Amino acid sequence: MRSRQWAAAAVTVLATCTATTGPAHAEGAPGPTDGAFLKTVHQGNLAEIEAGNDAQHNATTACVKDAGAMFVRDHTRMDGDVKALAGSLRIALPGGPTAEQKQQLAGIRAKAGTKAYDSAWLSAQAENHRATLALIDEQIASGRNARITAAAKAARPVVAMHLGRVSGGVCHGQAPVRTVPAGDGGMAAGADAYGETVTAVAGGAALGGTLLACGTVLVLRRRRTRAASVRR
């Protein structure tokens, strides 16, 4: 309900702003690092989906199998967003995981059905998700394209929650917690809250950005009007 209210408010403000100030400026083209971020995240999503599916078949514990199922679900959703965003920005994405990612999974799969598999899978996932968080934080700090950076902010709570499930190379049960603001290193989110988290972040960002932009333009228009009145 809250996300729908945000969206409705953003549409109303945007319509008002457009009617009084004219069309908004077009967004600049993504920089080289923005495109590289989307490509890397896409390959990471594909690798996590394969690893999650593999764990459901070859892990020995229910905790690891459940973590694998959650990774498949969440990374599939996130990758859908990545592909849609890349398509709208005309950024070509790779067709599969990197050779290194494939080699990593093959090495883990060789231990299928043993406790060593679970240990190797958890350690690899902890390492992979730490690397993904670092990549996301770099995009948030220095990304050029606002839409890509917003997507990175929206995905961060989910990746942080995944890392919490496998931190230290140990499988942790899913805690019944809600999301906390992006940027908090200790944040966690329930897997089923992914869609709500992304919508809330995107909706809040859209509304805040629209209000700020519209307010700035209206202030400038009022100043110009006052100046014209003084000259007359």
Protein backbone atom coordinates (compact mmCIF):
# COMPACT_ATOMS: atom_id res chain seq x y z
CA MET A 1 0.00 0.00 0.00
CA ARG A 2 2.79 2.41 0.92
CA SER A 3 4.61 1.81 -2.37
CA ARG A 4 1.42 2.52 -4.32
CA GLN A 5 0.95 5.77 -2.41
CA TRP A 6 4.53 6.78 -3.19
CA ALA A 7 4.04 5.98 -6.85
CA ALA A 8 0.78 7.93 -7.04
CA ALA A 9 2.35 10.92 -5.29
CA ALA A 10 5.36 10.84 -7.61
CA VAL A 11 3.12 10.77 -10.69
CA THR A 12 1.07 13.69 -9.37
CA VAL A 13 4.13 15.79 -8.57
CA LEU A 14 5.78 14.96 -11.88
CA ALA A 15 2.65 15.91 -13.81
CA THR A 16 2.41 19.22 -11.94
CA CYS A 17 6.07 19.98 -12.47
CA THR A 18 5.92 19.15 -16.18
CA ALA A 19 2.85 21.30 -16.66
CA THR A 20 4.50 24.33 -15.05
CA THR A 21 8.09 24.03 -16.17
CA GLY A 22 8.13 22.04 -19.41
CA PRO A 23 9.73 18.63 -20.16
CA ALA A 24 12.52 17.34 -17.95
CA HIS A 25 16.07 17.09 -19.24
CA ALA A 26 17.00 13.71 -20.73
CA GLU A 27 19.26 11.47 -18.69
CA GLY A 28 22.91 11.27 -19.77
CA ALA A 29 24.31 8.14 -21.37
CA PRO A 30 25.82 5.53 -18.99
CA GLY A 31 29.57 5.75 -18.46
CA PRO A 32 31.95 2.82 -19.09
CA THR A 33 31.86 1.76 -15.43
CA ASP A 34 28.05 1.74 -15.41
CA GLY A 35 27.91 -0.71 -18.30
CA ALA A 36 30.64 -2.85 -16.74
CA PHE A 37 28.66 -2.96 -13.50
CA LEU A 38 25.52 -4.27 -15.21
CA LYS A 39 27.51 -6.89 -17.14
CA THR A 40 29.35 -8.10 -14.05
CA VAL A 41 26.19 -8.25 -11.94
CA HIS A 42 24.37 -10.13 -14.71
CA GLN A 43 27.08 -12.77 -14.86
CA GLY A 44 27.08 -12.97 -11.06
CA ASN A 45 23.32 -13.52 -11.06
CA LEU A 46 23.63 -16.30 -13.62
CA ALA A 47 26.40 -17.95 -11.59
CA GLU A 48 24.35 -17.73 -8.38
CA ILE A 49 21.32 -19.24 -10.09
CA GLU A 50 23.39 -22.20 -11.31
CA ALA A 51 25.05 -22.62 -7.91
CA GLY A 52 21.69 -22.46 -6.14
CA ASN A 53 20.19 -25.09 -8.39
CA ASP A 54 23.26 -27.28 -7.90
CA ALA A 55 23.02 -27.02 -4.12
CA GLN A 56 19.41 -28.19 -4.15
CA HIS A 57 20.53 -31.40 -5.83
CA ASN A 58 23.96 -32.05 -4.29
CA ALA A 59 24.05 -30.54 -0.79
CA THR A 60 23.70 -32.82 2.22
CA THR A 61 21.90 -30.49 4.62
CA ALA A 62 18.47 -28.86 4.45
CA CYS A 63 19.96 -25.49 5.42
CA VAL A 64 22.24 -25.38 2.37
CA LYS A 65 19.49 -26.63 0.08
CA ASP A 66 17.13 -23.95 1.38
CA ALA A 67 19.80 -21.28 0.90
CA GLY A 68 20.31 -22.49 -2.66
CA ALA A 69 16.58 -22.25 -3.39
CA MET A 70 16.46 -18.74 -1.97
CA PHE A 71 19.47 -17.65 -4.06
CA VAL A 72 17.81 -18.98 -7.21
CA ARG A 73 14.59 -17.12 -6.48
CA ASP A 74 16.16 -13.79 -5.54
CA HIS A 75 18.88 -13.70 -8.20
CA THR A 76 16.34 -14.63 -10.87
CA ARG A 77 14.22 -11.64 -9.84
CA MET A 78 17.21 -9.31 -9.68
CA ASP A 79 18.51 -10.47 -13.04
CA GLY A 80 15.14 -9.74 -14.60
CA ASP A 81 15.56 -6.15 -13.44
CA VAL A 82 19.14 -6.03 -14.73
CA LYS A 83 18.14 -7.31 -18.17
CA ALA A 84 15.26 -4.86 -18.42
CA LEU A 85 17.48 -1.94 -17.42
CA ALA A 86 20.26 -2.99 -19.78
CA GLY A 87 17.77 -3.31 -22.62
CA SER A 88 16.38 0.17 -22.05
CA LEU A 89 19.91 1.60 -22.02
CA ARG A 90 21.05 -0.49 -25.01
CA ILE A 91 23.79 -2.27 -23.06
CA ALA A 92 24.60 -5.76 -24.38
CA LEU A 93 24.93 -8.39 -21.66
CA PRO A 94 27.10 -11.56 -21.69
CA GLY A 95 25.39 -14.83 -22.45
CA GLY A 96 26.59 -16.74 -19.38
CA PRO A 97 28.83 -16.80 -16.30
CA THR A 98 32.57 -16.20 -16.60
CA ALA A 99 34.99 -19.08 -17.12
CA GLU A 100 36.23 -18.58 -13.56
CA GLN A 101 32.69 -18.82 -12.18
CA LYS A 102 32.07 -22.03 -14.14
CA GLN A 103 35.36 -23.49 -12.90
CA GLN A 104 34.48 -22.64 -9.30
CA LEU A 105 31.15 -24.47 -9.50
CA ALA A 106 32.73 -27.46 -11.24
CA GLY A 107 35.23 -27.80 -8.40
CA ILE A 108 32.44 -27.72 -5.82
CA ARG A 109 30.28 -30.14 -7.78
CA ALA A 110 33.10 -32.69 -7.71
CA LYS A 111 32.38 -33.06 -3.97
CA ALA A 112 28.64 -33.65 -4.52
CA GLY A 113 26.81 -35.60 -1.83
CA THR A 114 29.48 -35.09 0.83
CA LYS A 115 29.94 -32.70 3.76
CA ALA A 116 32.89 -31.25 1.86
CA TYR A 117 30.44 -30.07 -0.81
CA ASP A 118 28.42 -28.08 1.71
CA SER A 119 31.54 -26.52 3.19
CA ALA A 120 33.00 -25.59 -0.21
CA TRP A 121 29.66 -24.23 -1.46
CA LEU A 122 29.16 -22.04 1.62
CA SER A 123 32.72 -20.69 1.50
CA ALA A 124 32.40 -19.85 -2.19
CA GLN A 125 29.05 -18.13 -1.68
CA ALA A 126 30.40 -16.05 1.20
CA GLU A 127 33.32 -14.93 -0.96
CA ASN A 128 31.09 -14.24 -3.97
CA HIS A 129 28.56 -12.17 -2.04
CA ARG A 130 31.26 -10.12 -0.31
CA ALA A 131 32.66 -9.31 -3.75
CA THR A 132 29.20 -8.40 -5.02
CA LEU A 133 28.60 -6.05 -2.09
CA ALA A 134 31.92 -4.33 -2.76
CA LEU A 135 30.94 -3.91 -6.40
CA ILE A 136 27.55 -2.49 -5.44
CA ASP A 137 29.11 -0.05 -2.98
CA GLU A 138 31.55 1.12 -5.65
CA GLN A 139 28.67 1.77 -8.07
CA ILE A 140 26.73 3.65 -5.39
CA ALA A 141 29.77 5.79 -4.58
CA SER A 142 30.98 6.59 -8.10
CA GLY A 143 28.36 5.48 -10.65
CA ARG A 144 27.48 7.98 -13.35
CA ASN A 145 24.06 6.72 -14.43
CA ALA A 146 21.34 7.46 -11.87
CA ARG A 147 19.08 4.56 -12.91
CA ILE A 148 21.87 1.98 -12.60
CA THR A 149 22.95 3.38 -9.26
CA ALA A 150 19.35 3.28 -8.00
CA ALA A 151 19.16 -0.39 -9.03
CA ALA A 152 22.38 -1.07 -7.12
CA LYS A 153 20.93 0.54 -3.99
CA ALA A 154 17.74 -1.50 -4.33
CA ALA A 155 19.64 -4.78 -4.71
CA ARG A 156 22.04 -4.19 -1.82
CA PRO A 157 19.73 -5.32 1.04
CA VAL A 158 19.07 -8.63 -0.71
CA VAL A 159 22.75 -9.34 -1.34
CA ALA A 160 23.58 -8.39 2.27
CA MET A 161 20.89 -10.76 3.49
CA HIS A 162 22.34 -13.57 1.34
CA LEU A 163 25.79 -12.92 2.81
CA GLY A 164 24.28 -13.20 6.27
CA ARG A 165 23.00 -16.68 5.41
CA VAL A 166 26.49 -17.94 4.50
CA SER A 167 28.84 -15.66 6.45
CA GLY A 168 31.98 -17.34 7.72
CA GLY A 169 31.35 -20.27 5.41
CA VAL A 170 28.61 -21.46 7.80
CA CYS A 171 24.94 -21.95 6.91
CA HIS A 172 22.74 -19.74 9.08
CA GLY A 173 18.99 -20.22 9.28
CA GLN A 174 16.81 -17.47 7.89
CA ALA A 175 15.82 -15.01 10.60
CA PRO A 176 12.31 -13.46 10.48
CA VAL A 177 13.59 -9.89 10.10
CA ARG A 178 12.53 -6.96 7.97
CA THR A 179 14.63 -4.69 5.83
CA VAL A 180 16.68 -1.77 7.10
CA PRO A 181 17.92 1.21 5.08
CA ALA A 182 20.42 0.56 2.30
CA GLY A 183 23.97 1.47 3.21
CA ASP A 184 23.90 -0.22 6.64
CA GLY A 185 26.54 -2.94 6.66
CA GLY A 186 24.45 -5.05 9.05
CA MET A 187 21.21 -4.92 7.12
CA ALA A 188 19.15 -8.01 6.48
CA ALA A 189 15.88 -8.74 4.71
CA GLY A 190 13.43 -11.59 4.50
CA ALA A 191 13.65 -13.26 1.09
CA ASP A 192 9.94 -12.86 0.48
CA ALA A 193 10.28 -9.12 1.04
CA TYR A 194 12.51 -8.65 -2.02
CA GLY A 195 9.81 -7.19 -4.25
CA GLU A 196 8.55 -4.91 -1.49
CA THR A 197 12.09 -3.75 -0.72
CA VAL A 198 12.93 -2.86 -4.31
CA THR A 199 9.58 -1.14 -4.88
CA ALA A 200 9.85 0.87 -1.68
CA VAL A 201 13.41 2.00 -2.40
CA ALA A 202 12.65 2.84 -6.01
CA GLY A 203 9.36 4.53 -5.10
CA GLY A 204 10.90 6.58 -2.32
CA ALA A 205 13.84 7.59 -4.51
CA ALA A 206 11.57 8.53 -7.39
CA LEU A 207 9.34 10.65 -5.20
CA GLY A 208 12.21 12.33 -3.40
CA GLY A 209 14.07 13.06 -6.63
CA THR A 210 10.94 14.37 -8.32
CA LEU A 211 10.08 16.62 -5.40
CA LEU A 212 13.61 18.00 -5.25
CA ALA A 213 13.86 18.65 -8.98
CA CYS A 214 10.40 20.17 -9.20
CA GLY A 215 10.93 22.34 -6.14
CA THR A 216 14.24 23.64 -7.47
CA VAL A 217 12.76 24.58 -10.84
CA LEU A 218 9.76 26.30 -9.26
CA VAL A 219 12.02 28.38 -6.99
CA LEU A 220 14.06 29.50 -9.98
CA ARG A 221 10.89 30.43 -11.89
CA ARG A 222 9.64 32.50 -8.97
CA ARG A 223 12.96 34.34 -8.73
CA ARG A 224 12.86 35.18 -12.43
CA THR A 225 9.27 36.41 -12.08
CA ARG A 226 10.20 38.69 -9.17
CA ALA A 227 13.21 40.06 -11.04
CA ALA A 228 11.05 40.85 -14.06
CA SER A 229 8.54 42.66 -11.81
CA VAL A 230 11.29 44.82 -10.29
CA ARG A 231 12.63 45.80 -13.73
CA ARG A 232 9.15 46.85 -14.81
